[in-house]
Amino acid sequence: MPSRQPIRSDEDFKARFRDFIEHVYHDWTFSDPIILPTLAPHTFAQSSLHVGRLIQDIPVRPGSVISNNRKKGAKAYLMIKRDEEGNTGFLWCDADGKALKKVYIKKARGMTVSKAKAGLVETYNEVEDVNIMEHNKAMMVVNARKAIVKCAEQGLEAPTPEDLYKDHMMKTCVFADVSDPELN
């Protein structure tokens, strides 16, 4: 795919365009379906930070079995959660990603809430940037393939930019911030 470096000459532009077209046609022909890319979700490891241990077993409903991840001494995490609207917040949780009350957590020596949030936000946002960049690169290929198919079917004058890019827009990063609310 194209470089992030500025284009310095016509030759540079032509070389990058050739690379892009090769990428568009890689493992694809006109008769193949055009499959939209899916945005890679953040994994638990990418969106959480080990902050301490549980100071007691977490109460469960009568008759329920307590998970090992909710027993005294189990690891506790601070995690960034994002809802359907793209709002981010911090969630105190166990190793399964299930919410915990902060009062059940003894933070590790030297760990502060502000330090945990700052480190977690930095990691989360770096992953978000990479995920969105990869998704948008794949989306550029999809849009180019769609334009090729439309033009082949209808000629160069027929498709409008709206036809070519309808429902196939690029995504923008949803970054977390240390000032995001705590959800529990």
N, C-alpha and C. Protein backbone atom coordinates (compact mmCIF):
# COMPACT_ATOMS: atom_id res chain seq x y z
N MET A 1 0.84 -1.19 0.00
CA MET A 1 0.00 0.00 0.00
C MET A 1 0.88 1.24 0.00
N PRO A 2 0.27 2.37 -0.32
CA PRO A 2 1.04 3.61 -0.42
C PRO A 2 1.76 3.97 0.87
N SER A 3 2.85 4.69 0.69
CA SER A 3 3.66 5.14 1.81
C SER A 3 3.06 6.40 2.41
N ARG A 4 3.39 6.66 3.68
CA ARG A 4 2.95 7.91 4.31
C ARG A 4 3.87 9.07 3.94
N GLN A 5 4.96 8.79 3.24
CA GLN A 5 5.91 9.83 2.84
C GLN A 5 5.29 10.69 1.74
N PRO A 6 5.61 11.98 1.70
CA PRO A 6 5.06 12.84 0.65
C PRO A 6 5.56 12.43 -0.73
N ILE A 7 4.72 12.67 -1.73
CA ILE A 7 5.10 12.38 -3.12
C ILE A 7 6.04 13.48 -3.57
N ARG A 8 7.20 13.09 -4.11
CA ARG A 8 8.23 14.07 -4.46
C ARG A 8 8.37 14.27 -5.97
N SER A 9 7.78 13.37 -6.78
CA SER A 9 7.95 13.50 -8.23
C SER A 9 6.85 12.72 -8.95
N ASP A 10 6.74 12.96 -10.26
CA ASP A 10 5.79 12.20 -11.08
C ASP A 10 6.12 10.71 -11.04
N GLU A 11 7.40 10.39 -11.07
CA GLU A 11 7.81 8.98 -11.04
C GLU A 11 7.37 8.33 -9.73
N ASP A 12 7.53 9.06 -8.64
CA ASP A 12 7.11 8.57 -7.33
C ASP A 12 5.60 8.32 -7.33
N PHE A 13 4.84 9.28 -7.86
CA PHE A 13 3.39 9.13 -7.94
C PHE A 13 3.01 7.91 -8.76
N LYS A 14 3.62 7.76 -9.93
CA LYS A 14 3.29 6.64 -10.82
C LYS A 14 3.64 5.30 -10.17
N ALA A 15 4.76 5.25 -9.48
CA ALA A 15 5.15 4.00 -8.80
C ALA A 15 4.15 3.64 -7.71
N ARG A 16 3.75 4.64 -6.94
CA ARG A 16 2.78 4.38 -5.87
C ARG A 16 1.43 3.99 -6.45
N PHE A 17 1.03 4.62 -7.55
CA PHE A 17 -0.24 4.28 -8.18
C PHE A 17 -0.20 2.84 -8.69
N ARG A 18 0.90 2.44 -9.31
CA ARG A 18 1.05 1.06 -9.78
C ARG A 18 0.95 0.08 -8.60
N ASP A 19 1.60 0.41 -7.49
CA ASP A 19 1.52 -0.44 -6.30
C ASP A 19 0.08 -0.56 -5.81
N PHE A 20 -0.64 0.56 -5.82
CA PHE A 20 -2.03 0.55 -5.37
C PHE A 20 -2.89 -0.32 -6.29
N ILE A 21 -2.75 -0.15 -7.60
CA ILE A 21 -3.53 -0.93 -8.55
C ILE A 21 -3.20 -2.42 -8.42
N GLU A 22 -1.92 -2.74 -8.23
CA GLU A 22 -1.55 -4.14 -8.00
C GLU A 22 -2.25 -4.68 -6.75
N HIS A 23 -2.33 -3.85 -5.72
CA HIS A 23 -3.00 -4.25 -4.48
C HIS A 23 -4.50 -4.44 -4.73
N VAL A 24 -5.11 -3.56 -5.51
CA VAL A 24 -6.54 -3.66 -5.82
C VAL A 24 -6.84 -4.98 -6.54
N TYR A 25 -6.00 -5.37 -7.48
CA TYR A 25 -6.24 -6.58 -8.26
C TYR A 25 -5.67 -7.85 -7.63
N HIS A 26 -4.96 -7.72 -6.52
CA HIS A 26 -4.38 -8.89 -5.86
C HIS A 26 -5.50 -9.83 -5.40
N ASP A 27 -5.49 -11.07 -5.89
CA ASP A 27 -6.49 -12.09 -5.54
C ASP A 27 -7.92 -11.62 -5.79
N TRP A 28 -8.14 -10.81 -6.82
CA TRP A 28 -9.49 -10.32 -7.14
C TRP A 28 -9.63 -10.19 -8.64
N THR A 29 -10.79 -10.59 -9.14
CA THR A 29 -11.15 -10.36 -10.53
C THR A 29 -12.51 -9.70 -10.56
N PHE A 30 -12.86 -9.19 -11.72
CA PHE A 30 -14.11 -8.46 -11.91
C PHE A 30 -15.33 -9.27 -11.45
N SER A 31 -15.29 -10.57 -11.61
CA SER A 31 -16.45 -11.39 -11.26
C SER A 31 -16.50 -11.78 -9.78
N ASP A 32 -15.45 -11.49 -9.03
CA ASP A 32 -15.45 -11.82 -7.60
C ASP A 32 -16.33 -10.84 -6.82
N PRO A 33 -16.93 -11.32 -5.73
CA PRO A 33 -17.69 -10.38 -4.90
C PRO A 33 -16.75 -9.38 -4.22
N ILE A 34 -17.30 -8.21 -3.93
CA ILE A 34 -16.53 -7.19 -3.22
C ILE A 34 -16.95 -7.28 -1.76
N ILE A 35 -16.04 -7.71 -0.93
CA ILE A 35 -16.35 -7.96 0.48
C ILE A 35 -15.86 -6.78 1.32
N LEU A 36 -16.78 -6.22 2.09
CA LEU A 36 -16.41 -5.10 2.96
C LEU A 36 -15.53 -5.59 4.11
N PRO A 37 -14.52 -4.81 4.44
CA PRO A 37 -13.67 -5.19 5.57
C PRO A 37 -14.41 -4.99 6.89
N THR A 38 -14.01 -5.74 7.89
CA THR A 38 -14.56 -5.52 9.22
C THR A 38 -13.46 -4.90 10.08
N LEU A 39 -13.87 -4.02 10.94
CA LEU A 39 -12.92 -3.35 11.82
C LEU A 39 -12.52 -4.31 12.94
N ALA A 40 -11.24 -4.52 13.10
CA ALA A 40 -10.75 -5.42 14.15
C ALA A 40 -11.09 -4.83 15.52
N PRO A 41 -11.72 -5.62 16.38
CA PRO A 41 -12.03 -5.11 17.72
C PRO A 41 -10.78 -5.12 18.60
N HIS A 42 -10.82 -4.32 19.64
CA HIS A 42 -9.74 -4.35 20.63
C HIS A 42 -9.88 -5.64 21.43
N THR A 43 -8.77 -6.31 21.65
CA THR A 43 -8.79 -7.50 22.50
C THR A 43 -8.73 -7.06 23.97
N PHE A 44 -9.00 -8.01 24.86
CA PHE A 44 -8.92 -7.70 26.28
C PHE A 44 -7.51 -7.23 26.64
N ALA A 45 -6.50 -7.90 26.09
CA ALA A 45 -5.11 -7.52 26.39
C ALA A 45 -4.79 -6.12 25.90
N GLN A 46 -5.40 -5.68 24.80
CA GLN A 46 -5.14 -4.36 24.24
C GLN A 46 -5.92 -3.25 24.94
N SER A 47 -6.99 -3.62 25.63
CA SER A 47 -7.86 -2.59 26.21
C SER A 47 -7.91 -2.65 27.73
N SER A 48 -7.04 -3.44 28.35
CA SER A 48 -7.06 -3.54 29.81
C SER A 48 -5.65 -3.50 30.37
N LEU A 49 -5.59 -3.21 31.66
CA LEU A 49 -4.31 -3.13 32.36
C LEU A 49 -4.47 -3.78 33.73
N HIS A 50 -3.58 -4.69 34.06
CA HIS A 50 -3.59 -5.32 35.38
C HIS A 50 -3.22 -4.25 36.41
N VAL A 51 -4.12 -4.03 37.37
CA VAL A 51 -3.90 -2.96 38.34
C VAL A 51 -3.73 -3.45 39.78
N GLY A 52 -4.06 -4.70 40.04
CA GLY A 52 -3.96 -5.20 41.40
C GLY A 52 -4.62 -6.55 41.56
N ARG A 53 -5.05 -6.81 42.80
CA ARG A 53 -5.66 -8.11 43.14
C ARG A 53 -6.96 -7.88 43.91
N LEU A 54 -7.81 -8.91 43.90
CA LEU A 54 -9.06 -8.84 44.68
C LEU A 54 -8.74 -9.09 46.15
N ILE A 55 -9.35 -8.30 47.02
CA ILE A 55 -9.08 -8.43 48.46
C ILE A 55 -10.03 -9.43 49.12
N GLN A 56 -11.06 -9.84 48.40
CA GLN A 56 -11.99 -10.85 48.93
C GLN A 56 -12.73 -11.49 47.76
N ASP A 57 -13.39 -12.62 48.04
CA ASP A 57 -14.23 -13.23 47.03
C ASP A 57 -15.37 -12.27 46.69
N ILE A 58 -15.73 -12.23 45.43
CA ILE A 58 -16.85 -11.38 45.00
C ILE A 58 -18.14 -12.14 45.27
N PRO A 59 -19.10 -11.53 45.97
CA PRO A 59 -20.35 -12.23 46.28
C PRO A 59 -21.08 -12.69 45.01
N VAL A 60 -21.67 -13.87 45.09
CA VAL A 60 -22.47 -14.40 43.98
C VAL A 60 -23.87 -14.71 44.49
N ARG A 61 -24.78 -14.88 43.53
CA ARG A 61 -26.15 -15.25 43.90
C ARG A 61 -26.15 -16.63 44.55
N PRO A 62 -27.04 -16.85 45.51
CA PRO A 62 -27.11 -18.18 46.14
C PRO A 62 -27.29 -19.27 45.07
N GLY A 63 -26.53 -20.35 45.23
CA GLY A 63 -26.60 -21.46 44.29
C GLY A 63 -25.64 -21.32 43.11
N SER A 64 -25.04 -20.13 42.94
CA SER A 64 -24.10 -19.92 41.84
C SER A 64 -22.70 -20.34 42.27
N VAL A 65 -21.89 -20.70 41.29
CA VAL A 65 -20.50 -21.08 41.55
C VAL A 65 -19.62 -19.87 41.24
N ILE A 66 -18.70 -19.59 42.13
CA ILE A 66 -17.81 -18.43 41.94
C ILE A 66 -16.67 -18.81 40.99
N SER A 67 -16.43 -17.95 40.01
CA SER A 67 -15.32 -18.14 39.07
C SER A 67 -14.00 -17.92 39.80
N ASN A 68 -12.97 -18.65 39.39
CA ASN A 68 -11.64 -18.43 39.98
C ASN A 68 -11.16 -17.00 39.78
N ASN A 69 -11.64 -16.34 38.72
CA ASN A 69 -11.25 -14.95 38.45
C ASN A 69 -11.97 -13.95 39.34
N ARG A 70 -12.86 -14.44 40.22
CA ARG A 70 -13.57 -13.55 41.14
C ARG A 70 -13.30 -13.93 42.60
N LYS A 71 -12.26 -14.75 42.79
CA LYS A 71 -11.89 -15.16 44.15
C LYS A 71 -10.77 -14.27 44.69
N LYS A 72 -10.68 -14.23 46.02
CA LYS A 72 -9.64 -13.45 46.69
C LYS A 72 -8.27 -13.78 46.09
N GLY A 73 -7.50 -12.74 45.78
CA GLY A 73 -6.16 -12.91 45.22
C GLY A 73 -6.12 -12.93 43.70
N ALA A 74 -7.28 -13.03 43.05
CA ALA A 74 -7.31 -13.04 41.58
C ALA A 74 -6.93 -11.65 41.06
N LYS A 75 -6.43 -11.62 39.83
CA LYS A 75 -6.02 -10.35 39.23
C LYS A 75 -7.23 -9.46 38.96
N ALA A 76 -7.02 -8.16 39.14
CA ALA A 76 -8.05 -7.16 38.84
C ALA A 76 -7.50 -6.23 37.76
N TYR A 77 -8.39 -5.72 36.94
CA TYR A 77 -8.00 -4.92 35.78
C TYR A 77 -8.80 -3.63 35.71
N LEU A 78 -8.20 -2.66 35.03
CA LEU A 78 -8.92 -1.47 34.59
C LEU A 78 -8.96 -1.61 33.08
N MET A 79 -10.14 -1.44 32.52
CA MET A 79 -10.34 -1.68 31.10
C MET A 79 -11.06 -0.50 30.47
N ILE A 80 -10.76 -0.25 29.20
CA ILE A 80 -11.50 0.76 28.44
C ILE A 80 -12.61 0.05 27.70
N LYS A 81 -13.83 0.50 27.91
CA LYS A 81 -15.01 -0.05 27.23
C LYS A 81 -15.54 1.01 26.28
N ARG A 82 -16.04 0.57 25.12
CA ARG A 82 -16.65 1.49 24.16
C ARG A 82 -18.05 0.98 23.87
N ASP A 83 -19.04 1.89 23.92
CA ASP A 83 -20.41 1.49 23.63
C ASP A 83 -20.72 1.64 22.14
N GLU A 84 -21.96 1.32 21.77
CA GLU A 84 -22.37 1.36 20.37
C GLU A 84 -22.28 2.76 19.75
N GLU A 85 -22.42 3.78 20.57
CA GLU A 85 -22.34 5.16 20.07
C GLU A 85 -20.90 5.66 19.97
N GLY A 86 -19.94 4.86 20.41
CA GLY A 86 -18.54 5.27 20.33
C GLY A 86 -18.03 5.98 21.58
N ASN A 87 -18.82 6.01 22.64
CA ASN A 87 -18.37 6.62 23.89
C ASN A 87 -17.46 5.64 24.62
N THR A 88 -16.38 6.15 25.18
CA THR A 88 -15.47 5.30 25.93
C THR A 88 -15.53 5.64 27.41
N GLY A 89 -15.22 4.65 28.22
CA GLY A 89 -15.18 4.83 29.66
C GLY A 89 -14.32 3.74 30.28
N PHE A 90 -14.02 3.89 31.55
CA PHE A 90 -13.18 2.93 32.26
C PHE A 90 -14.04 1.99 33.08
N LEU A 91 -13.69 0.71 33.05
CA LEU A 91 -14.43 -0.31 33.78
C LEU A 91 -13.45 -1.10 34.64
N TRP A 92 -13.72 -1.19 35.93
CA TRP A 92 -12.94 -2.05 36.82
C TRP A 92 -13.50 -3.45 36.64
N CYS A 93 -12.62 -4.43 36.38
CA CYS A 93 -13.14 -5.76 36.04
C CYS A 93 -12.18 -6.87 36.45
N ASP A 94 -12.68 -8.11 36.30
CA ASP A 94 -11.85 -9.29 36.55
C ASP A 94 -11.21 -9.74 35.24
N ALA A 95 -10.51 -10.86 35.25
CA ALA A 95 -9.81 -11.35 34.06
C ALA A 95 -10.76 -11.81 32.96
N ASP A 96 -12.04 -11.96 33.28
CA ASP A 96 -13.05 -12.30 32.28
C ASP A 96 -13.69 -11.05 31.67
N GLY A 97 -13.29 -9.87 32.15
CA GLY A 97 -13.87 -8.63 31.66
C GLY A 97 -15.19 -8.29 32.33
N LYS A 98 -15.53 -9.00 33.40
CA LYS A 98 -16.79 -8.74 34.12
C LYS A 98 -16.57 -7.66 35.17
N ALA A 99 -17.52 -6.75 35.25
CA ALA A 99 -17.41 -5.58 36.12
C ALA A 99 -17.23 -5.96 37.58
N LEU A 100 -16.42 -5.16 38.26
CA LEU A 100 -16.18 -5.28 39.70
C LEU A 100 -16.33 -3.90 40.33
N LYS A 101 -16.70 -3.89 41.60
CA LYS A 101 -16.66 -2.63 42.33
C LYS A 101 -15.21 -2.38 42.73
N LYS A 102 -14.81 -1.12 42.62
CA LYS A 102 -13.42 -0.74 42.91
C LYS A 102 -13.04 -1.07 44.36
N VAL A 103 -14.00 -1.11 45.26
CA VAL A 103 -13.70 -1.38 46.67
C VAL A 103 -13.15 -2.79 46.89
N TYR A 104 -13.35 -3.70 45.94
CA TYR A 104 -12.84 -5.07 46.06
C TYR A 104 -11.40 -5.21 45.57
N ILE A 105 -10.81 -4.11 45.10
CA ILE A 105 -9.49 -4.18 44.47
C ILE A 105 -8.43 -3.51 45.34
N LYS A 106 -7.32 -4.23 45.56
CA LYS A 106 -6.14 -3.63 46.20
C LYS A 106 -5.16 -3.38 45.06
N LYS A 107 -4.88 -2.11 44.82
CA LYS A 107 -3.97 -1.77 43.72
C LYS A 107 -2.55 -2.25 44.03
N ALA A 108 -1.84 -2.61 42.98
CA ALA A 108 -0.45 -3.04 43.09
C ALA A 108 0.41 -1.89 43.61
N ARG A 109 1.50 -2.23 44.27
CA ARG A 109 2.41 -1.22 44.82
C ARG A 109 2.85 -0.25 43.72
N GLY A 110 2.73 1.03 44.00
CA GLY A 110 3.15 2.06 43.05
C GLY A 110 2.11 2.39 41.99
N MET A 111 1.02 1.63 41.96
CA MET A 111 -0.02 1.85 40.95
C MET A 111 -1.00 2.91 41.46
N THR A 112 -1.18 3.94 40.65
CA THR A 112 -2.20 4.94 40.96
C THR A 112 -3.24 4.91 39.86
N VAL A 113 -4.42 5.39 40.15
CA VAL A 113 -5.49 5.42 39.15
C VAL A 113 -5.07 6.28 37.97
N SER A 114 -4.46 7.43 38.24
CA SER A 114 -4.06 8.31 37.14
C SER A 114 -2.98 7.68 36.28
N LYS A 115 -2.02 6.98 36.90
CA LYS A 115 -0.96 6.30 36.15
C LYS A 115 -1.56 5.16 35.31
N ALA A 116 -2.48 4.41 35.90
CA ALA A 116 -3.12 3.31 35.18
C ALA A 116 -3.90 3.83 33.98
N LYS A 117 -4.68 4.88 34.19
CA LYS A 117 -5.47 5.44 33.09
C LYS A 117 -4.58 5.98 31.98
N ALA A 118 -3.51 6.68 32.35
CA ALA A 118 -2.62 7.26 31.34
C ALA A 118 -1.97 6.16 30.48
N GLY A 119 -1.46 5.12 31.12
CA GLY A 119 -0.83 4.03 30.38
C GLY A 119 -1.82 3.27 29.51
N LEU A 120 -2.98 3.04 30.06
CA LEU A 120 -4.02 2.31 29.33
C LEU A 120 -4.51 3.10 28.13
N VAL A 121 -4.73 4.39 28.30
CA VAL A 121 -5.18 5.25 27.20
C VAL A 121 -4.14 5.27 26.08
N GLU A 122 -2.87 5.36 26.44
CA GLU A 122 -1.81 5.39 25.43
C GLU A 122 -1.82 4.10 24.59
N THR A 123 -1.87 2.96 25.26
CA THR A 123 -1.89 1.67 24.54
C THR A 123 -3.15 1.53 23.70
N TYR A 124 -4.29 1.82 24.29
CA TYR A 124 -5.58 1.69 23.60
C TYR A 124 -5.60 2.56 22.33
N ASN A 125 -5.15 3.79 22.45
CA ASN A 125 -5.18 4.71 21.31
C ASN A 125 -4.20 4.30 20.21
N GLU A 126 -3.05 3.75 20.59
CA GLU A 126 -2.11 3.25 19.57
C GLU A 126 -2.75 2.11 18.78
N VAL A 127 -3.40 1.18 19.47
CA VAL A 127 -4.08 0.06 18.80
C VAL A 127 -5.22 0.58 17.94
N GLU A 128 -5.97 1.53 18.46
CA GLU A 128 -7.09 2.12 17.69
C GLU A 128 -6.58 2.73 16.40
N ASP A 129 -5.48 3.46 16.47
CA ASP A 129 -4.91 4.09 15.28
C ASP A 129 -4.51 3.05 14.24
N VAL A 130 -3.85 1.98 14.67
CA VAL A 130 -3.44 0.91 13.74
C VAL A 130 -4.67 0.22 13.15
N ASN A 131 -5.65 -0.12 14.00
CA ASN A 131 -6.86 -0.81 13.51
C ASN A 131 -7.60 0.03 12.47
N ILE A 132 -7.76 1.32 12.74
CA ILE A 132 -8.48 2.20 11.81
C ILE A 132 -7.68 2.36 10.53
N MET A 133 -6.36 2.51 10.63
CA MET A 133 -5.54 2.66 9.44
C MET A 133 -5.66 1.42 8.55
N GLU A 134 -5.58 0.24 9.14
CA GLU A 134 -5.70 -1.01 8.37
C GLU A 134 -7.09 -1.13 7.75
N HIS A 135 -8.12 -0.79 8.51
CA HIS A 135 -9.48 -0.84 7.99
C HIS A 135 -9.64 0.11 6.81
N ASN A 136 -9.15 1.32 6.95
CA ASN A 136 -9.30 2.32 5.89
C ASN A 136 -8.50 1.96 4.64
N LYS A 137 -7.33 1.34 4.81
CA LYS A 137 -6.59 0.85 3.65
C LYS A 137 -7.42 -0.18 2.90
N ALA A 138 -8.01 -1.11 3.64
CA ALA A 138 -8.86 -2.13 3.02
C ALA A 138 -10.09 -1.48 2.38
N MET A 139 -10.60 -0.43 2.99
CA MET A 139 -11.77 0.27 2.44
C MET A 139 -11.41 0.98 1.14
N MET A 140 -10.19 1.54 1.05
CA MET A 140 -9.76 2.17 -0.21
C MET A 140 -9.74 1.13 -1.33
N VAL A 141 -9.29 -0.06 -1.04
CA VAL A 141 -9.27 -1.13 -2.04
C VAL A 141 -10.70 -1.49 -2.44
N VAL A 142 -11.59 -1.61 -1.47
CA VAL A 142 -13.00 -1.91 -1.76
C VAL A 142 -13.60 -0.83 -2.65
N ASN A 143 -13.36 0.43 -2.30
CA ASN A 143 -13.91 1.53 -3.10
C ASN A 143 -13.35 1.53 -4.52
N ALA A 144 -12.07 1.23 -4.67
CA ALA A 144 -11.48 1.16 -6.01
C ALA A 144 -12.09 0.01 -6.80
N ARG A 145 -12.28 -1.14 -6.17
CA ARG A 145 -12.90 -2.27 -6.86
C ARG A 145 -14.34 -1.95 -7.27
N LYS A 146 -15.06 -1.29 -6.38
CA LYS A 146 -16.44 -0.92 -6.69
C LYS A 146 -16.48 0.05 -7.87
N ALA A 147 -15.57 1.01 -7.89
CA ALA A 147 -15.51 1.97 -9.00
C ALA A 147 -15.19 1.26 -10.31
N ILE A 148 -14.27 0.31 -10.27
CA ILE A 148 -13.91 -0.44 -11.47
C ILE A 148 -15.12 -1.20 -12.00
N VAL A 149 -15.85 -1.87 -11.13
CA VAL A 149 -17.03 -2.63 -11.55
C VAL A 149 -18.10 -1.70 -12.12
N LYS A 150 -18.39 -0.60 -11.43
CA LYS A 150 -19.40 0.37 -11.90
C LYS A 150 -19.03 0.92 -13.27
N CYS A 151 -17.79 1.33 -13.42
CA CYS A 151 -17.36 1.90 -14.70
C CYS A 151 -17.39 0.85 -15.81
N ALA A 152 -17.03 -0.37 -15.50
CA ALA A 152 -17.08 -1.44 -16.51
C ALA A 152 -18.52 -1.72 -16.93
N GLU A 153 -19.44 -1.65 -15.99
CA GLU A 153 -20.85 -1.93 -16.29
C GLU A 153 -21.55 -0.76 -16.96
N GLN A 154 -21.23 0.48 -16.55
CA GLN A 154 -22.02 1.63 -16.97
C GLN A 154 -21.23 2.67 -17.76
N GLY A 155 -19.95 2.51 -17.90
CA GLY A 155 -19.15 3.52 -18.58
C GLY A 155 -18.66 4.57 -17.62
N LEU A 156 -17.75 5.41 -18.08
CA LEU A 156 -17.12 6.40 -17.21
C LEU A 156 -18.05 7.52 -16.77
N GLU A 157 -19.04 7.88 -17.59
CA GLU A 157 -19.91 8.99 -17.22
C GLU A 157 -21.01 8.60 -16.25
N ALA A 158 -21.36 7.32 -16.17
CA ALA A 158 -22.53 6.90 -15.40
C ALA A 158 -22.40 7.05 -13.88
N PRO A 159 -21.39 6.50 -13.25
CA PRO A 159 -21.39 6.54 -11.78
C PRO A 159 -21.02 7.92 -11.24
N THR A 160 -21.70 8.29 -10.19
CA THR A 160 -21.36 9.53 -9.47
C THR A 160 -20.52 9.14 -8.26
N PRO A 161 -19.81 10.09 -7.67
CA PRO A 161 -19.06 9.76 -6.45
C PRO A 161 -19.97 9.17 -5.37
N GLU A 162 -21.22 9.66 -5.30
CA GLU A 162 -22.15 9.13 -4.30
C GLU A 162 -22.44 7.66 -4.57
N ASP A 163 -22.57 7.29 -5.87
CA ASP A 163 -22.79 5.88 -6.22
C ASP A 163 -21.61 5.03 -5.77
N LEU A 164 -20.43 5.54 -5.99
CA LEU A 164 -19.23 4.75 -5.73
C LEU A 164 -18.94 4.59 -4.24
N TYR A 165 -19.24 5.62 -3.46
CA TYR A 165 -18.84 5.59 -2.06
C TYR A 165 -20.00 5.45 -1.08
N LYS A 166 -21.22 5.28 -1.58
CA LYS A 166 -22.38 5.15 -0.71
C LYS A 166 -22.19 3.95 0.23
N ASP A 167 -22.37 4.18 1.50
CA ASP A 167 -22.25 3.15 2.53
C ASP A 167 -20.87 2.51 2.61
N HIS A 168 -19.87 3.13 2.06
CA HIS A 168 -18.53 2.55 2.08
C HIS A 168 -17.51 3.59 2.54
N MET A 169 -17.85 4.31 3.57
CA MET A 169 -16.99 5.41 4.00
C MET A 169 -15.90 4.92 4.95
N MET A 170 -14.88 5.73 5.02
CA MET A 170 -13.76 5.46 5.92
C MET A 170 -14.20 5.70 7.36
N LYS A 171 -13.50 5.09 8.28
CA LYS A 171 -13.79 5.27 9.70
C LYS A 171 -12.77 6.24 10.30
N THR A 172 -13.16 6.85 11.38
CA THR A 172 -12.23 7.71 12.12
C THR A 172 -11.97 7.08 13.48
N CYS A 173 -10.85 7.42 14.05
CA CYS A 173 -10.47 6.86 15.35
C CYS A 173 -11.40 7.36 16.44
N VAL A 174 -11.70 6.48 17.38
CA VAL A 174 -12.41 6.86 18.60
C VAL A 174 -11.40 6.66 19.71
N PHE A 175 -10.77 7.75 20.10
CA PHE A 175 -9.73 7.67 21.11
C PHE A 175 -10.31 7.75 22.52
N ALA A 176 -9.67 7.07 23.43
CA ALA A 176 -10.00 7.17 24.84
C ALA A 176 -9.23 8.36 25.41
N ASP A 177 -9.69 8.84 26.55
CA ASP A 177 -9.03 9.96 27.22
C ASP A 177 -9.03 9.70 28.72
N VAL A 178 -8.00 10.16 29.39
CA VAL A 178 -7.92 9.94 30.84
C VAL A 178 -9.10 10.57 31.58
N SER A 179 -9.78 11.52 30.96
CA SER A 179 -10.92 12.16 31.61
C SER A 179 -12.24 11.42 31.34
N ASP A 180 -12.19 10.31 30.59
CA ASP A 180 -13.41 9.52 30.35
C ASP A 180 -13.96 9.05 31.69
N PRO A 181 -15.27 8.85 31.78
CA PRO A 181 -15.87 8.47 33.07
C PRO A 181 -15.55 7.03 33.46
N GLU A 182 -15.61 6.77 34.76
CA GLU A 182 -15.56 5.40 35.24
C GLU A 182 -16.98 4.86 35.18
N LEU A 183 -17.15 3.67 34.65
CA LEU A 183 -18.47 3.11 34.42
C LEU A 183 -19.02 2.34 35.61
N ASN A 184 -18.16 2.06 36.60
CA ASN A 184 -18.63 1.36 37.80
C ASN A 184 -17.88 1.86 39.03
